[in-house]
Amino acid sequence: MADLQMDRVTLQDGQKLIYKDLSFAVEAGQIGVIYGPSRTGKSSVLLLASGHLPPHAGTIRVNGRAPDRKRAGLGPIHDLTPLFDTLTVEEQIVFQARLYKVRQAKQRTDELIAQYQLQEVRKYRIKDIGHIEQFRVGLVSAVVHRPDVILLDEPERGLTNEEWELARRDLRHLAEEGHVVLITTVLQQVADAGDVVVQLPSGEVMVR
């Protein structure tokens, strides 16, 4: 069973302490939410979980092993690694598939475009499609190589309440398939969708 565990993790930015002794666990079938205001290190948790950022102290385990960039599915991060808005939907997904050396990248792209109802916009540039479609392209970018752990930064950004409900269903479906899903948010409404909620900057953990 897939799982993500952080145990007494400390992260610093120069002399600034971002958090200390951060501990939580999210198992397959669960949605974990990192919740708090801006500039509290929420996106950094995703980078730690994906192996893109090492902690200054503490341990992180994905399926019992150290995080590996190839085994985690990291979606776009706002202001850091956004979607390539001049690429088409199809080009974005194929690019991600080839980046992760997915076999039969075009076939996998077609499969995901159908699964996430992106057929009508597959030839549109990212910047010209709606927010729910952008969310789904970002989600596909994270799942294209079939990772156990899926990491998404503020997936509700720009969505209406009705669109967020569609997005929430997509995330819940992935969890029910046996994935670990971890997202960040600044909104209580989104945090309420989580099974495990980690509040920053306090580090308080609530399990539902």
Foldseek 3Di string as FASTA:
>chain_A
DKKKWWAQFWAADVPRTLAGGQTDMFFQLFEEEEEADPPSCRVVVVCQQQVNDPTPDTAIDIVHHGHHNLQFQEFAAPPPRAQPQQQFLLVSQLVLCVVSPPPPSNVLSVVLCVVLVVVVRRRPGNVPDALLVSLSSRQSSRCSNPHQEYEEEASCPRPDPVSVVVVLVVQSVSSNVTHYYYYYHHDPVVQVSGQWYQYPPVSDIDGD
